[in-house]
């Protein structure tokens, strides 16, 4: 099993060369480049008041990322990777 970015489950990190691909799939729900190119993609990141135990939430229809306020970069990294690792996508098959 591997993901669109080529990473394996549990093997992803912010230092993964293809992490931005994994993040884009998580945020947009698609592994395809927009018809007008990547420059047309507008991603909104908004802070949420939820606690550190919560994962980031992607609203794929709006390219919106709800990101809780984490106390450190390490926690942010761990939670973001965890959210992406557990992303299931739109399994239409």
N, C-alpha and C. Protein backbone atom coordinates (compact mmCIF):
# COMPACT_ATOMS: atom_id res chain seq x y z
N UNK A 1 0.86 -1.19 0.00
CA UNK A 1 0.00 0.00 0.00
C UNK A 1 0.88 1.23 0.00
N UNK A 2 0.60 2.17 -0.88
CA UNK A 2 1.31 3.45 -0.86
C UNK A 2 0.33 4.55 -1.25
N UNK A 3 0.75 5.76 -1.06
CA UNK A 3 -0.10 6.91 -1.31
C UNK A 3 0.34 7.63 -2.58
N UNK A 4 -0.41 8.64 -2.98
CA UNK A 4 -0.12 9.39 -4.20
C UNK A 4 1.29 9.97 -4.20
N UNK A 5 1.81 10.28 -3.02
CA UNK A 5 3.13 10.87 -2.93
C UNK A 5 4.23 9.82 -2.97
N UNK A 6 3.86 8.53 -2.91
CA UNK A 6 4.85 7.47 -2.92
C UNK A 6 5.28 7.02 -1.55
N UNK A 7 4.79 7.66 -0.51
CA UNK A 7 5.12 7.29 0.87
C UNK A 7 4.28 6.09 1.28
N UNK A 8 4.76 5.36 2.26
CA UNK A 8 3.97 4.25 2.80
C UNK A 8 3.32 4.70 4.09
N UNK A 9 2.22 4.06 4.50
CA UNK A 9 1.55 4.45 5.75
C UNK A 9 2.53 4.39 6.92
N UNK A 10 2.52 5.40 7.73
CA UNK A 10 3.42 5.47 8.87
C UNK A 10 4.82 5.90 8.51
N UNK A 11 5.11 6.01 7.23
CA UNK A 11 6.45 6.36 6.79
C UNK A 11 6.60 7.81 6.37
N UNK A 12 5.56 8.56 6.56
CA UNK A 12 5.57 9.96 6.14
C UNK A 12 6.11 10.86 7.23
N UNK A 13 6.75 11.91 6.82
CA UNK A 13 7.19 12.94 7.76
C UNK A 13 7.27 14.24 6.99
N UNK A 14 7.41 15.34 7.73
CA UNK A 14 7.50 16.64 7.07
C UNK A 14 8.75 16.76 6.22
N UNK A 15 9.71 15.86 6.43
CA UNK A 15 10.94 15.89 5.64
C UNK A 15 10.87 14.99 4.42
N UNK A 16 9.76 14.28 4.25
CA UNK A 16 9.55 13.43 3.08
C UNK A 16 9.62 14.31 1.83
N UNK A 17 10.42 13.92 0.83
CA UNK A 17 10.53 14.77 -0.37
C UNK A 17 9.19 15.05 -1.05
N UNK A 18 8.26 14.14 -0.94
CA UNK A 18 6.96 14.31 -1.58
C UNK A 18 5.87 14.71 -0.60
N UNK A 19 6.23 15.21 0.56
CA UNK A 19 5.23 15.54 1.58
C UNK A 19 4.21 16.56 1.06
N UNK A 20 4.64 17.51 0.25
CA UNK A 20 3.70 18.51 -0.27
C UNK A 20 2.63 17.87 -1.14
N UNK A 21 2.97 16.79 -1.83
CA UNK A 21 1.97 16.07 -2.62
C UNK A 21 0.95 15.43 -1.68
N UNK A 22 1.45 14.80 -0.60
CA UNK A 22 0.56 14.18 0.39
C UNK A 22 -0.36 15.23 1.00
N UNK A 23 0.20 16.38 1.33
CA UNK A 23 -0.58 17.46 1.93
C UNK A 23 -1.62 17.98 0.94
N UNK A 24 -1.24 18.14 -0.31
CA UNK A 24 -2.19 18.63 -1.32
C UNK A 24 -3.35 17.65 -1.50
N UNK A 25 -3.07 16.36 -1.51
CA UNK A 25 -4.12 15.35 -1.63
C UNK A 25 -5.03 15.41 -0.40
N UNK A 26 -4.45 15.56 0.77
CA UNK A 26 -5.23 15.66 2.01
C UNK A 26 -6.15 16.88 1.98
N UNK A 27 -5.63 18.02 1.50
CA UNK A 27 -6.40 19.27 1.52
C UNK A 27 -7.45 19.35 0.42
N UNK A 28 -7.16 18.77 -0.73
CA UNK A 28 -8.06 18.93 -1.87
C UNK A 28 -8.91 17.71 -2.16
N UNK A 29 -8.49 16.54 -1.68
CA UNK A 29 -9.20 15.31 -1.97
C UNK A 29 -8.89 14.78 -3.37
N UNK A 30 -7.91 15.35 -4.03
CA UNK A 30 -7.59 14.94 -5.40
C UNK A 30 -6.08 14.83 -5.58
N UNK A 31 -5.68 13.85 -6.37
CA UNK A 31 -4.26 13.73 -6.68
C UNK A 31 -3.95 14.32 -8.06
N UNK A 32 -4.88 15.08 -8.57
CA UNK A 32 -4.72 15.72 -9.89
C UNK A 32 -4.40 17.20 -9.75
N UNK A 33 -3.65 17.71 -10.70
CA UNK A 33 -3.35 19.14 -10.74
C UNK A 33 -4.59 19.87 -11.25
N UNK A 34 -4.95 21.03 -10.63
CA UNK A 34 -6.12 21.77 -11.12
C UNK A 34 -5.96 22.14 -12.59
N UNK A 35 -7.08 22.26 -13.28
CA UNK A 35 -7.06 22.53 -14.72
C UNK A 35 -6.30 23.81 -15.07
N UNK A 36 -6.32 24.80 -14.18
CA UNK A 36 -5.60 26.06 -14.42
C UNK A 36 -4.23 26.09 -13.76
N UNK A 37 -3.76 24.94 -13.30
CA UNK A 37 -2.42 24.83 -12.72
C UNK A 37 -2.41 25.05 -11.21
N UNK A 38 -1.29 24.76 -10.61
CA UNK A 38 -1.14 24.86 -9.16
C UNK A 38 -1.27 26.29 -8.66
N UNK A 39 -0.96 27.26 -9.49
CA UNK A 39 -1.07 28.66 -9.06
C UNK A 39 -2.52 29.07 -8.84
N UNK A 40 -3.46 28.31 -9.40
CA UNK A 40 -4.88 28.62 -9.20
C UNK A 40 -5.43 28.04 -7.90
N UNK A 41 -4.64 27.17 -7.26
CA UNK A 41 -5.09 26.52 -6.04
C UNK A 41 -4.93 27.48 -4.85
N UNK A 42 -6.03 27.77 -4.20
CA UNK A 42 -6.02 28.66 -3.03
C UNK A 42 -6.33 27.83 -1.80
N UNK A 43 -5.39 27.75 -0.90
CA UNK A 43 -5.55 26.98 0.33
C UNK A 43 -5.67 27.94 1.50
N UNK A 44 -6.67 27.72 2.32
CA UNK A 44 -6.91 28.56 3.49
C UNK A 44 -6.61 27.75 4.74
N UNK A 45 -5.79 28.30 5.61
CA UNK A 45 -5.49 27.66 6.89
C UNK A 45 -6.07 28.55 7.97
N UNK A 46 -6.95 27.96 8.78
CA UNK A 46 -7.55 28.76 9.85
C UNK A 46 -7.32 28.08 11.19
N UNK A 47 -7.06 28.89 12.18
CA UNK A 47 -6.83 28.41 13.53
C UNK A 47 -8.16 28.04 14.17
N UNK A 48 -8.16 26.97 14.94
CA UNK A 48 -9.36 26.56 15.66
C UNK A 48 -9.06 26.53 17.16
N UNK A 49 -10.06 26.74 17.98
CA UNK A 49 -9.84 26.79 19.43
C UNK A 49 -9.73 25.42 20.09
N UNK A 50 -9.81 24.34 19.30
CA UNK A 50 -9.75 23.00 19.89
C UNK A 50 -8.36 22.72 20.46
N UNK A 51 -8.29 21.77 21.36
CA UNK A 51 -7.07 21.47 22.08
C UNK A 51 -6.04 20.70 21.26
N UNK A 52 -4.88 20.50 21.87
CA UNK A 52 -3.76 19.84 21.21
C UNK A 52 -4.03 18.38 20.89
N UNK A 53 -5.00 17.75 21.56
CA UNK A 53 -5.29 16.35 21.30
C UNK A 53 -6.03 16.14 19.99
N UNK A 54 -6.53 17.22 19.38
CA UNK A 54 -7.28 17.12 18.12
C UNK A 54 -6.36 17.19 16.92
N UNK A 55 -6.77 16.49 15.86
CA UNK A 55 -6.02 16.49 14.61
C UNK A 55 -6.49 17.63 13.72
N UNK A 56 -5.64 18.06 12.79
CA UNK A 56 -6.09 19.01 11.77
C UNK A 56 -7.21 18.38 10.94
N UNK A 57 -8.13 19.21 10.47
CA UNK A 57 -9.26 18.74 9.67
C UNK A 57 -9.24 19.46 8.33
N UNK A 58 -9.35 18.69 7.24
CA UNK A 58 -9.38 19.27 5.90
C UNK A 58 -10.82 19.28 5.40
N UNK A 59 -11.26 20.42 4.89
CA UNK A 59 -12.56 20.56 4.23
C UNK A 59 -12.24 20.65 2.73
N UNK A 60 -12.27 19.49 2.07
CA UNK A 60 -11.76 19.40 0.71
C UNK A 60 -12.54 20.23 -0.31
N UNK A 61 -13.81 20.45 -0.09
CA UNK A 61 -14.60 21.24 -1.05
C UNK A 61 -14.15 22.70 -1.08
N UNK A 62 -13.58 23.15 0.02
CA UNK A 62 -13.19 24.56 0.13
C UNK A 62 -11.68 24.75 0.23
N UNK A 63 -10.91 23.66 0.13
CA UNK A 63 -9.45 23.72 0.31
C UNK A 63 -9.10 24.45 1.60
N UNK A 64 -9.79 24.07 2.65
CA UNK A 64 -9.69 24.73 3.95
C UNK A 64 -9.11 23.76 4.97
N UNK A 65 -8.12 24.20 5.73
CA UNK A 65 -7.52 23.39 6.77
C UNK A 65 -7.79 24.03 8.12
N UNK A 66 -8.51 23.30 8.99
CA UNK A 66 -8.71 23.74 10.37
C UNK A 66 -7.53 23.21 11.17
N UNK A 67 -6.76 24.11 11.73
CA UNK A 67 -5.54 23.75 12.42
C UNK A 67 -5.60 24.22 13.87
N UNK A 68 -5.67 23.26 14.82
CA UNK A 68 -5.68 23.67 16.23
C UNK A 68 -4.37 24.38 16.59
N UNK A 69 -4.40 25.15 17.64
CA UNK A 69 -3.18 25.83 18.11
C UNK A 69 -2.36 24.85 18.93
N UNK A 70 -1.24 24.43 18.38
CA UNK A 70 -0.35 23.50 19.06
C UNK A 70 0.75 24.29 19.76
N UNK A 71 1.27 23.72 20.84
CA UNK A 71 2.27 24.43 21.64
C UNK A 71 3.68 24.32 21.09
N UNK A 72 3.89 23.40 20.14
CA UNK A 72 5.24 23.27 19.58
C UNK A 72 5.17 22.79 18.14
N UNK A 73 6.26 22.98 17.41
CA UNK A 73 6.35 22.51 16.04
C UNK A 73 6.34 20.99 15.98
N UNK A 74 6.90 20.35 17.00
CA UNK A 74 6.94 18.90 17.05
C UNK A 74 5.53 18.31 17.12
N UNK A 75 4.69 18.91 17.97
CA UNK A 75 3.30 18.44 18.09
C UNK A 75 2.54 18.70 16.79
N UNK A 76 2.74 19.87 16.21
CA UNK A 76 2.12 20.20 14.93
C UNK A 76 2.51 19.17 13.88
N UNK A 77 3.79 18.88 13.78
CA UNK A 77 4.28 17.92 12.80
C UNK A 77 3.67 16.55 13.02
N UNK A 78 3.67 16.08 14.28
CA UNK A 78 3.13 14.75 14.59
C UNK A 78 1.64 14.66 14.26
N UNK A 79 0.86 15.68 14.63
CA UNK A 79 -0.58 15.65 14.39
C UNK A 79 -0.91 15.75 12.90
N UNK A 80 -0.17 16.57 12.17
CA UNK A 80 -0.41 16.71 10.74
C UNK A 80 -0.08 15.42 10.01
N UNK A 81 1.04 14.81 10.34
CA UNK A 81 1.40 13.53 9.72
C UNK A 81 0.38 12.46 10.09
N UNK A 82 -0.08 12.45 11.34
CA UNK A 82 -1.08 11.48 11.78
C UNK A 82 -2.39 11.66 11.00
N UNK A 83 -2.81 12.90 10.82
CA UNK A 83 -4.05 13.17 10.08
C UNK A 83 -3.92 12.71 8.63
N UNK A 84 -2.79 12.97 8.02
CA UNK A 84 -2.58 12.56 6.63
C UNK A 84 -2.47 11.04 6.52
N UNK A 85 -1.81 10.41 7.50
CA UNK A 85 -1.69 8.95 7.49
C UNK A 85 -3.05 8.26 7.57
N UNK A 86 -4.01 8.89 8.24
CA UNK A 86 -5.32 8.27 8.41
C UNK A 86 -6.37 8.80 7.43
N UNK A 87 -5.93 9.56 6.47
CA UNK A 87 -6.82 10.07 5.42
C UNK A 87 -7.24 8.93 4.52
N UNK A 88 -8.52 8.80 4.28
CA UNK A 88 -9.02 7.72 3.43
C UNK A 88 -9.44 8.18 2.05
N UNK A 89 -9.69 9.45 1.88
CA UNK A 89 -10.06 9.95 0.57
C UNK A 89 -11.47 9.56 0.17
N UNK A 90 -11.75 9.70 -1.11
CA UNK A 90 -13.06 9.37 -1.65
C UNK A 90 -12.93 8.07 -2.43
N UNK A 91 -13.09 6.99 -1.76
CA UNK A 91 -12.93 5.68 -2.39
C UNK A 91 -14.19 5.36 -3.19
N UNK A 92 -14.12 5.57 -4.49
CA UNK A 92 -15.28 5.34 -5.35
C UNK A 92 -15.25 3.98 -6.02
N UNK A 93 -14.15 3.24 -5.84
CA UNK A 93 -14.02 1.93 -6.49
C UNK A 93 -14.73 0.85 -5.73
